[in-house]
PDB file of N, CA and C in Angstrom:
ATOM      1  N   MET A   1       4.135  -4.502  -4.672  1.00  0.00           N
ATOM      2  CA  MET A   1       3.789  -3.093  -4.648  1.00  0.00           C
ATOM      3  C   MET A   1       5.075  -2.281  -4.752  1.00  0.00           C
ATOM      4  N   LYS A   2       5.088  -1.350  -5.677  1.00  0.00           N
ATOM      5  CA  LYS A   2       6.261  -0.506  -5.853  1.00  0.00           C
ATOM      6  C   LYS A   2       6.157   0.730  -4.971  1.00  0.00           C
ATOM      7  N   ASN A   3       7.300   1.259  -4.613  1.00  0.00           N
ATOM      8  CA  ASN A   3       7.385   2.536  -3.901  1.00  0.00           C
ATOM      9  C   ASN A   3       6.492   2.595  -2.663  1.00  0.00           C
ATOM     10  N   VAL A   4       6.647   1.629  -1.791  1.00  0.00           N
ATOM     11  CA  VAL A   4       5.892   1.639  -0.538  1.00  0.00           C
ATOM     12  C   VAL A   4       6.356   2.806   0.317  1.00  0.00           C
ATOM     13  N   ILE A   5       7.671   2.978   0.447  1.00  0.00           N
ATOM     14  CA  ILE A   5       8.227   4.083   1.222  1.00  0.00           C
ATOM     15  C   ILE A   5       8.472   5.247   0.278  1.00  0.00           C
ATOM     16  N   LYS A   6       7.791   6.362   0.531  1.00  0.00           N
ATOM     17  CA  LYS A   6       7.961   7.539  -0.323  1.00  0.00           C
ATOM     18  C   LYS A   6       9.152   8.378   0.112  1.00  0.00           C
ATOM     19  N   ALA A   7       9.283   8.624   1.422  1.00  0.00           N
ATOM     20  CA  ALA A   7      10.371   9.474   1.906  1.00  0.00           C
ATOM     21  C   ALA A   7      10.532   9.294   3.409  1.00  0.00           C
ATOM     22  N   PRO A   8      11.754   9.455   3.915  1.00  0.00           N
ATOM     23  CA  PRO A   8      11.924   9.503   5.368  1.00  0.00           C
ATOM     24  C   PRO A   8      11.491  10.871   5.874  1.00  0.00           C
ATOM     25  N   LEU A   9      10.897  10.908   7.041  1.00  0.00           N
ATOM     26  CA  LEU A   9      10.477  12.176   7.633  1.00  0.00           C
ATOM     27  C   LEU A   9      11.492  12.560   8.702  1.00  0.00           C
ATOM     28  N   VAL A  10      12.291  13.571   8.403  1.00  0.00           N
ATOM     29  CA  VAL A  10      13.336  14.012   9.324  1.00  0.00           C
ATOM     30  C   VAL A  10      12.922  15.366   9.889  1.00  0.00           C
ATOM     31  N   THR A  11      12.445  15.352  11.124  1.00  0.00           N
ATOM     32  CA  THR A  11      12.093  16.570  11.837  1.00  0.00           C
ATOM     33  C   THR A  11      12.766  16.511  13.205  1.00  0.00           C
ATOM     34  N   GLU A  12      12.661  17.587  13.938  1.00  0.00           N
ATOM     35  CA  GLU A  12      13.264  17.613  15.273  1.00  0.00           C
ATOM     36  C   GLU A  12      12.620  16.559  16.177  1.00  0.00           C
ATOM     37  N   LYS A  13      11.308  16.453  16.110  1.00  0.00           N
ATOM     38  CA  LYS A  13      10.598  15.479  16.937  1.00  0.00           C
ATOM     39  C   LYS A  13      10.961  14.047  16.535  1.00  0.00           C
ATOM     40  N   ASN A  14      11.056  13.792  15.228  1.00  0.00           N
ATOM     41  CA  ASN A  14      11.386  12.448  14.764  1.00  0.00           C
ATOM     42  C   ASN A  14      12.834  12.077  15.063  1.00  0.00           C
ATOM     43  N   THR A  15      13.718  13.072  15.195  1.00  0.00           N
ATOM     44  CA  THR A  15      15.102  12.800  15.564  1.00  0.00           C
ATOM     45  C   THR A  15      15.170  12.259  16.990  1.00  0.00           C
ATOM     46  N   PHE A  16      14.319  12.767  17.878  1.00  0.00           N
ATOM     47  CA  PHE A  16      14.252  12.226  19.235  1.00  0.00           C
ATOM     48  C   PHE A  16      13.747  10.784  19.217  1.00  0.00           C
ATOM     49  N   HIS A  17      12.792  10.486  18.321  1.00  0.00           N
ATOM     50  CA  HIS A  17      12.295   9.112  18.190  1.00  0.00           C
ATOM     51  C   HIS A  17      13.400   8.169  17.728  1.00  0.00           C
ATOM     52  N   SER A  18      14.253   8.637  16.818  1.00  0.00           N
ATOM     53  CA  SER A  18      15.292   7.754  16.271  1.00  0.00           C
ATOM     54  C   SER A  18      16.317   7.362  17.337  1.00  0.00           C
ATOM     55  N   ALA A  19      16.472   8.176  18.368  1.00  0.00           N
ATOM     56  CA  ALA A  19      17.365   7.810  19.471  1.00  0.00           C
ATOM     57  C   ALA A  19      16.825   6.591  20.223  1.00  0.00           C
ATOM     58  N   ALA A  20      15.510   6.401  20.182  1.00  0.00           N
ATOM     59  CA  ALA A  20      14.881   5.250  20.841  1.00  0.00           C
ATOM     60  C   ALA A  20      14.675   4.084  19.875  1.00  0.00           C
ATOM     61  N   GLY A  21      15.186   4.203  18.653  1.00  0.00           N
ATOM     62  CA  GLY A  21      15.059   3.117  17.682  1.00  0.00           C
ATOM     63  C   GLY A  21      13.787   3.147  16.873  1.00  0.00           C
ATOM     64  N   VAL A  22      13.085   4.283  16.861  1.00  0.00           N
ATOM     65  CA  VAL A  22      11.852   4.429  16.084  1.00  0.00           C
ATOM     66  C   VAL A  22      12.126   5.403  14.946  1.00  0.00           C
ATOM     67  N   TYR A  23      11.869   4.961  13.717  1.00  0.00           N
ATOM     68  CA  TYR A  23      12.107   5.780  12.530  1.00  0.00           C
ATOM     69  C   TYR A  23      10.776   6.042  11.838  1.00  0.00           C
ATOM     70  N   VAL A  24      10.628   7.240  11.260  1.00  0.00           N
ATOM     71  CA  VAL A  24       9.352   7.662  10.698  1.00  0.00           C
ATOM     72  C   VAL A  24       9.501   7.848   9.191  1.00  0.00           C
ATOM     73  N   PHE A  25       8.553   7.275   8.438  1.00  0.00           N
ATOM     74  CA  PHE A  25       8.563   7.352   6.986  1.00  0.00           C
ATOM     75  C   PHE A  25       7.198   7.779   6.474  1.00  0.00           C
ATOM     76  N   GLU A  26       7.192   8.500   5.349  1.00  0.00           N
ATOM     77  CA  GLU A  26       5.955   8.726   4.611  1.00  0.00           C
ATOM     78  C   GLU A  26       5.784   7.523   3.701  1.00  0.00           C
ATOM     79  N   VAL A  27       4.618   6.888   3.752  1.00  0.00           N
ATOM     80  CA  VAL A  27       4.384   5.670   2.985  1.00  0.00           C
ATOM     81  C   VAL A  27       3.155   5.827   2.096  1.00  0.00           C
ATOM     82  N   ASP A  28       2.990   4.880   1.187  1.00  0.00           N
ATOM     83  CA  ASP A  28       1.846   4.865   0.284  1.00  0.00           C
ATOM     84  C   ASP A  28       0.564   4.634   1.087  1.00  0.00           C
ATOM     85  N   MET A  29      -0.529   5.279   0.671  1.00  0.00           N
ATOM     86  CA  MET A  29      -1.798   5.168   1.397  1.00  0.00           C
ATOM     87  C   MET A  29      -2.342   3.744   1.414  1.00  0.00           C
ATOM     88  N   THR A  30      -2.023   2.944   0.406  1.00  0.00           N
ATOM     89  CA  THR A  30      -2.568   1.589   0.334  1.00  0.00           C
ATOM     90  C   THR A  30      -1.682   0.557   1.022  1.00  0.00           C
ATOM     91  N   ALA A  31      -0.535   0.973   1.548  1.00  0.00           N
ATOM     92  CA  ALA A  31       0.398   0.036   2.183  1.00  0.00           C
ATOM     93  C   ALA A  31      -0.120  -0.383   3.555  1.00  0.00           C
ATOM     94  N   ASP A  32      -0.009  -1.679   3.852  1.00  0.00           N
ATOM     95  CA  ASP A  32      -0.377  -2.159   5.178  1.00  0.00           C
ATOM     96  C   ASP A  32       0.891  -2.410   5.996  1.00  0.00           C
ATOM     97  N   LYS A  33       0.713  -2.764   7.264  1.00  0.00           N
ATOM     98  CA  LYS A  33       1.853  -2.869   8.181  1.00  0.00           C
ATOM     99  C   LYS A  33       2.831  -3.971   7.788  1.00  0.00           C
ATOM    100  N   THR A  34       2.328  -5.106   7.319  1.00  0.00           N
ATOM    101  CA  THR A  34       3.226  -6.197   6.947  1.00  0.00           C
ATOM    102  C   THR A  34       4.049  -5.845   5.715  1.00  0.00           C
ATOM    103  N   THR A  35       3.450  -5.125   4.773  1.00  0.00           N
ATOM    104  CA  THR A  35       4.182  -4.691   3.579  1.00  0.00           C
ATOM    105  C   THR A  35       5.262  -3.687   3.949  1.00  0.00           C
ATOM    106  N   ILE A  36       4.944  -2.761   4.834  1.00  0.00           N
ATOM    107  CA  ILE A  36       5.917  -1.762   5.280  1.00  0.00           C
ATOM    108  C   ILE A  36       7.071  -2.451   6.006  1.00  0.00           C
ATOM    109  N   LYS A  37       6.751  -3.405   6.872  1.00  0.00           N
ATOM    110  CA  LYS A  37       7.786  -4.136   7.612  1.00  0.00           C
ATOM    111  C   LYS A  37       8.725  -4.868   6.660  1.00  0.00           C
ATOM    112  N   GLY A  38       8.176  -5.575   5.694  1.00  0.00           N
ATOM    113  CA  GLY A  38       8.992  -6.310   4.737  1.00  0.00           C
ATOM    114  C   GLY A  38       9.859  -5.404   3.886  1.00  0.00           C
ATOM    115  N   THR A  39       9.322  -4.257   3.485  1.00  0.00           N
ATOM    116  CA  THR A  39      10.071  -3.313   2.658  1.00  0.00           C
ATOM    117  C   THR A  39      11.236  -2.707   3.423  1.00  0.00           C
ATOM    118  N   VAL A  40      11.015  -2.323   4.677  1.00  0.00           N
ATOM    119  CA  VAL A  40      12.089  -1.737   5.486  1.00  0.00           C
ATOM    120  C   VAL A  40      13.186  -2.770   5.737  1.00  0.00           C
ATOM    121  N   GLU A  41      12.793  -3.995   6.066  1.00  0.00           N
ATOM    122  CA  GLU A  41      13.791  -5.044   6.308  1.00  0.00           C
ATOM    123  C   GLU A  41      14.609  -5.339   5.053  1.00  0.00           C
ATOM    124  N   LYS A  42      13.965  -5.341   3.902  1.00  0.00           N
ATOM    125  CA  LYS A  42      14.658  -5.635   2.647  1.00  0.00           C
ATOM    126  C   LYS A  42      15.560  -4.483   2.214  1.00  0.00           C
ATOM    127  N   ASN A  43      15.057  -3.253   2.275  1.00  0.00           N
ATOM    128  CA  ASN A  43      15.811  -2.100   1.767  1.00  0.00           C
ATOM    129  C   ASN A  43      16.957  -1.678   2.677  1.00  0.00           C
ATOM    130  N   PHE A  44      16.786  -1.783   3.988  1.00  0.00           N
ATOM    131  CA  PHE A  44      17.790  -1.277   4.920  1.00  0.00           C
ATOM    132  C   PHE A  44      18.563  -2.380   5.634  1.00  0.00           C
ATOM    133  N   GLY A  45      18.167  -3.636   5.473  1.00  0.00           N
ATOM    134  CA  GLY A  45      18.888  -4.747   6.086  1.00  0.00           C
ATOM    135  C   GLY A  45      18.836  -4.754   7.599  1.00  0.00           C
ATOM    136  N   VAL A  46      17.685  -4.434   8.172  1.00  0.00           N
ATOM    137  CA  VAL A  46      17.509  -4.412   9.627  1.00  0.00           C
ATOM    138  C   VAL A  46      16.325  -5.300   9.998  1.00  0.00           C
ATOM    139  N   LYS A  47      16.199  -5.597  11.287  1.00  0.00           N
ATOM    140  CA  LYS A  47      15.064  -6.370  11.792  1.00  0.00           C
ATOM    141  C   LYS A  47      14.068  -5.420  12.448  1.00  0.00           C
ATOM    142  N   VAL A  48      12.809  -5.497  12.033  1.00  0.00           N
ATOM    143  CA  VAL A  48      11.759  -4.612  12.530  1.00  0.00           C
ATOM    144  C   VAL A  48      11.018  -5.298  13.671  1.00  0.00           C
ATOM    145  N   ASP A  49      10.809  -4.550  14.760  1.00  0.00           N
ATOM    146  CA  ASP A  49      10.074  -5.056  15.912  1.00  0.00           C
ATOM    147  C   ASP A  49       8.578  -4.809  15.741  1.00  0.00           C
ATOM    148  N   SER A  50       8.191  -3.565  15.406  1.00  0.00           N
ATOM    149  CA  SER A  50       6.776  -3.248  15.240  1.00  0.00           C
ATOM    150  C   SER A  50       6.612  -2.068  14.287  1.00  0.00           C
ATOM    151  N   VAL A  51       5.389  -1.937  13.766  1.00  0.00           N
ATOM    152  CA  VAL A  51       5.049  -0.837  12.855  1.00  0.00           C
ATOM    153  C   VAL A  51       3.726  -0.242  13.313  1.00  0.00           C
ATOM    154  N   ARG A  52       3.692   1.076  13.453  1.00  0.00           N
ATOM    155  CA  ARG A  52       2.451   1.800  13.737  1.00  0.00           C
ATOM    156  C   ARG A  52       2.208   2.755  12.580  1.00  0.00           C
ATOM    157  N   THR A  53       0.963   2.919  12.168  1.00  0.00           N
ATOM    158  CA  THR A  53       0.657   3.820  11.057  1.00  0.00           C
ATOM    159  C   THR A  53      -0.419   4.808  11.471  1.00  0.00           C
ATOM    160  N   THR A  54      -0.432   5.940  10.795  1.00  0.00           N
ATOM    161  CA  THR A  54      -1.464   6.943  10.998  1.00  0.00           C
ATOM    162  C   THR A  54      -1.702   7.668   9.688  1.00  0.00           C
ATOM    163  N   VAL A  55      -2.944   8.067   9.466  1.00  0.00           N
ATOM    164  CA  VAL A  55      -3.295   8.831   8.275  1.00  0.00           C
ATOM    165  C   VAL A  55      -3.412  10.291   8.685  1.00  0.00           C
ATOM    166  N   CYS A  56      -2.645  11.146   8.015  1.00  0.00           N
ATOM    167  CA  CYS A  56      -2.632  12.574   8.322  1.00  0.00           C
ATOM    168  C   CYS A  56      -3.556  13.298   7.352  1.00  0.00           C
ATOM    169  N   ARG A  57      -4.398  14.141   7.888  1.00  0.00           N
ATOM    170  CA  ARG A  57      -5.366  14.864   7.071  1.00  0.00           C
ATOM    171  C   ARG A  57      -4.697  15.949   6.254  1.00  0.00           C
ATOM    172  N   GLY A  58      -5.290  16.264   5.110  1.00  0.00           N
ATOM    173  CA  GLY A  58      -4.817  17.372   4.301  1.00  0.00           C
ATOM    174  C   GLY A  58      -5.264  18.691   4.902  1.00  0.00           C
ATOM    175  N   HIS A  59      -4.598  19.760   4.518  1.00  0.00           N
ATOM    176  CA  HIS A  59      -4.917  21.085   5.027  1.00  0.00           C
ATOM    177  C   HIS A  59      -5.521  21.937   3.925  1.00  0.00           C
ATOM    178  N   GLY A  60      -6.284  22.946   4.306  1.00  0.00           N
ATOM    179  CA  GLY A  60      -6.791  23.906   3.344  1.00  0.00           C
ATOM    180  C   GLY A  60      -5.676  24.831   2.900  1.00  0.00           C
ATOM    181  N   LYS A  61      -5.698  25.195   1.650  1.00  0.00           N
ATOM    182  CA  LYS A  61      -4.643  26.033   1.096  1.00  0.00           C
ATOM    183  C   LYS A  61      -5.274  27.081   0.188  1.00  0.00           C
ATOM    184  N   GLN A  62      -4.901  28.329   0.389  1.00  0.00           N
ATOM    185  CA  GLN A  62      -5.449  29.416  -0.418  1.00  0.00           C
ATOM    186  C   GLN A  62      -4.635  29.566  -1.699  1.00  0.00           C
ATOM    187  N   THR A  63      -5.309  29.544  -2.831  1.00  0.00           N
ATOM    188  CA  THR A  63      -4.676  29.818  -4.119  1.00  0.00           C
ATOM    189  C   THR A  63      -5.409  30.970  -4.772  1.00  0.00           C
ATOM    190  N   LYS A  64      -4.926  31.404  -5.915  1.00  0.00           N
ATOM    191  CA  LYS A  64      -5.607  32.519  -6.582  1.00  0.00           C
ATOM    192  C   LYS A  64      -6.965  32.100  -7.142  1.00  0.00           C
ATOM    193  N   PHE A  65      -7.219  30.791  -7.206  1.00  0.00           N
ATOM    194  CA  PHE A  65      -8.499  30.294  -7.700  1.00  0.00           C
ATOM    195  C   PHE A  65      -9.468  29.972  -6.569  1.00  0.00           C
ATOM    196  N   GLY A  66      -9.066  30.177  -5.323  1.00  0.00           N
ATOM    197  CA  GLY A  66      -9.909  29.887  -4.175  1.00  0.00           C
ATOM    198  C   GLY A  66      -9.237  28.887  -3.254  1.00  0.00           C
ATOM    199  N   MET A  67     -10.019  28.283  -2.393  1.00  0.00           N
ATOM    200  CA  MET A  67      -9.478  27.306  -1.447  1.00  0.00           C
ATOM    201  C   MET A  67      -9.366  25.935  -2.111  1.00  0.00           C
ATOM    202  N   THR A  68      -8.239  25.293  -1.888  1.00  0.00           N
ATOM    203  CA  THR A  68      -8.048  23.909  -2.306  1.00  0.00           C
ATOM    204  C   THR A  68      -7.602  23.121  -1.079  1.00  0.00           C
ATOM    205  N   LYS A  69      -7.463  21.826  -1.233  1.00  0.00           N
ATOM    206  CA  LYS A  69      -7.077  21.003  -0.101  1.00  0.00           C
ATOM    207  C   LYS A  69      -5.914  20.113  -0.501  1.00  0.00           C
ATOM    208  N   THR A  70      -4.901  20.039   0.366  1.00  0.00           N
ATOM    209  CA  THR A  70      -3.791  19.131   0.117  1.00  0.00           C
ATOM    210  C   THR A  70      -4.276  17.710   0.409  1.00  0.00           C
ATOM    211  N   PRO A  71      -3.713  16.718  -0.251  1.00  0.00           N
ATOM    212  CA  PRO A  71      -4.222  15.356  -0.082  1.00  0.00           C
ATOM    213  C   PRO A  71      -3.857  14.752   1.274  1.00  0.00           C
ATOM    214  N   TYR A  72      -4.654  13.755   1.677  1.00  0.00           N
ATOM    215  CA  TYR A  72      -4.328  12.978   2.863  1.00  0.00           C
ATOM    216  C   TYR A  72      -3.057  12.184   2.576  1.00  0.00           C
ATOM    217  N   TRP A  73      -2.285  11.870   3.626  1.00  0.00           N
ATOM    218  CA  TRP A  73      -1.080  11.066   3.455  1.00  0.00           C
ATOM    219  C   TRP A  73      -0.886  10.195   4.685  1.00  0.00           C
ATOM    220  N   LYS A  74      -0.089   9.155   4.526  1.00  0.00           N
ATOM    221  CA  LYS A  74       0.082   8.170   5.588  1.00  0.00           C
ATOM    222  C   LYS A  74       1.528   8.165   6.052  1.00  0.00           C
ATOM    223  N   LYS A  75       1.723   8.070   7.369  1.00  0.00           N
ATOM    224  CA  LYS A  75       3.081   7.927   7.880  1.00  0.00           C
ATOM    225  C   LYS A  75       3.164   6.695   8.761  1.00  0.00           C
ATOM    226  N   ALA A  76       4.361   6.116   8.776  1.00  0.00           N
ATOM    227  CA  ALA A  76       4.590   4.885   9.523  1.00  0.00           C
ATOM    228  C   ALA A  76       5.714   5.091  10.520  1.00  0.00           C
ATOM    229  N   PHE A  77       5.483   4.649  11.755  1.00  0.00           N
ATOM    230  CA  PHE A  77       6.495   4.654  12.802  1.00  0.00           C
ATOM    231  C   PHE A  77       7.043   3.233  12.881  1.00  0.00           C
ATOM    232  N   VAL A  78       8.298   3.055  12.497  1.00  0.00           N
ATOM    233  CA  VAL A  78       8.908   1.730  12.440  1.00  0.00           C
ATOM    234  C   VAL A  78       9.880   1.590  13.609  1.00  0.00           C
ATOM    235  N   LYS A  79       9.591   0.649  14.513  1.00  0.00           N
ATOM    236  CA  LYS A  79      10.471   0.398  15.657  1.00  0.00           C
ATOM    237  C   LYS A  79      11.354  -0.795  15.326  1.00  0.00           C
ATOM    238  N   LEU A  80      12.666  -0.607  15.485  1.00  0.00           N
ATOM    239  CA  LEU A  80      13.624  -1.663  15.182  1.00  0.00           C
ATOM    240  C   LEU A  80      13.949  -2.465  16.432  1.00  0.00           C
ATOM    241  N   LYS A  81      14.447  -3.665  16.231  1.00  0.00           N
ATOM    242  CA  LYS A  81      14.880  -4.505  17.354  1.00  0.00           C
ATOM    243  C   LYS A  81      16.087  -3.854  18.022  1.00  0.00           C
ATOM    244  N   ALA A  82      16.378  -4.220  19.246  1.00  0.00           N
ATOM    245  CA  ALA A  82      17.471  -3.625  20.024  1.00  0.00           C
ATOM    246  C   ALA A  82      18.801  -3.792  19.294  1.00  0.00           C
ATOM    247  N   GLY A  83      19.563  -2.708  19.229  1.00  0.00           N
ATOM    248  CA  GLY A  83      20.880  -2.729  18.601  1.00  0.00           C
ATOM    249  C   GLY A  83      20.878  -2.442  17.111  1.00  0.00           C
ATOM    250  N   GLU A  84      19.714  -2.362  16.484  1.00  0.00           N
ATOM    251  CA  GLU A  84      19.617  -2.091  15.046  1.00  0.00           C
ATOM    252  C   GLU A  84      19.535  -0.584  14.809  1.00  0.00           C
ATOM    253  N   LYS A  85      20.142  -0.124  13.711  1.00  0.00           N
ATOM    254  CA  LYS A  85      20.089   1.286  13.325  1.00  0.00           C
ATOM    255  C   LYS A  85      20.001   1.388  11.813  1.00  0.00           C
ATOM    256  N   ILE A  86      19.416   2.483  11.336  1.00  0.00           N
ATOM    257  CA  ILE A  86      19.374   2.772   9.905  1.00  0.00           C
ATOM    258  C   ILE A  86      20.380   3.879   9.647  1.00  0.00           C
ATOM    259  N   ALA A  87      21.332   3.625   8.771  1.00  0.00           N
ATOM    260  CA  ALA A  87      22.423   4.568   8.517  1.00  0.00           C
ATOM    261  C   ALA A  87      21.929   5.864   7.886  1.00  0.00           C
ATOM    262  N   LEU A  88      20.792   5.816   7.206  1.00  0.00           N
ATOM    263  CA  LEU A  88      20.242   7.000   6.548  1.00  0.00           C
ATOM    264  C   LEU A  88      19.956   8.123   7.544  1.00  0.00           C
ATOM    265  N   PHE A  89      19.575   7.767   8.764  1.00  0.00           N
ATOM    266  CA  PHE A  89      19.200   8.752   9.772  1.00  0.00           C
ATOM    267  C   PHE A  89      20.362   9.166  10.666  1.00  0.00           C
ATOM    268  N   GLU A  90      21.491   8.487  10.590  1.00  0.00           N
ATOM    269  CA  GLU A  90      22.624   8.802  11.451  1.00  0.00           C
ATOM    270  C   GLU A  90      23.284  10.108  11.015  1.00  0.00           C
ATOM    271  N   GLY A  91      23.655  10.932  11.970  1.00  0.00           N
ATOM    272  CA  GLY A  91      24.329  12.194  11.684  1.00  0.00           C
ATOM    273  C   GLY A  91      23.400  13.315  11.272  1.00  0.00           C
ATOM    274  N   VAL A  92      22.089  13.123  11.463  1.00  0.00           N
ATOM    275  CA  VAL A  92      21.132  14.174  11.094  1.00  0.00           C
ATOM    276  C   VAL A  92      20.834  14.997  12.314  1.00  0.00           C
TER     277      VAL A  92
END
């Protein structure tokens, strides 16, 4: 499966999670936990302890043509083993 990880989610709340070794990513809707774990370990060279996922609902959005809806999307909370860090999130 290509492009399992779409983007890292860097927010104030997720920055607090990263201090505890939990990193948050937007992932493909069809990705399962084992695929996400393997992709993170391969791309970032770290050992993953656990993966939690949630599907976030789309919101209503007003356009000049009426109401539309943003699509549903999936995010993954990836917990790393003790002592592991992802350099992408450091210094944010």
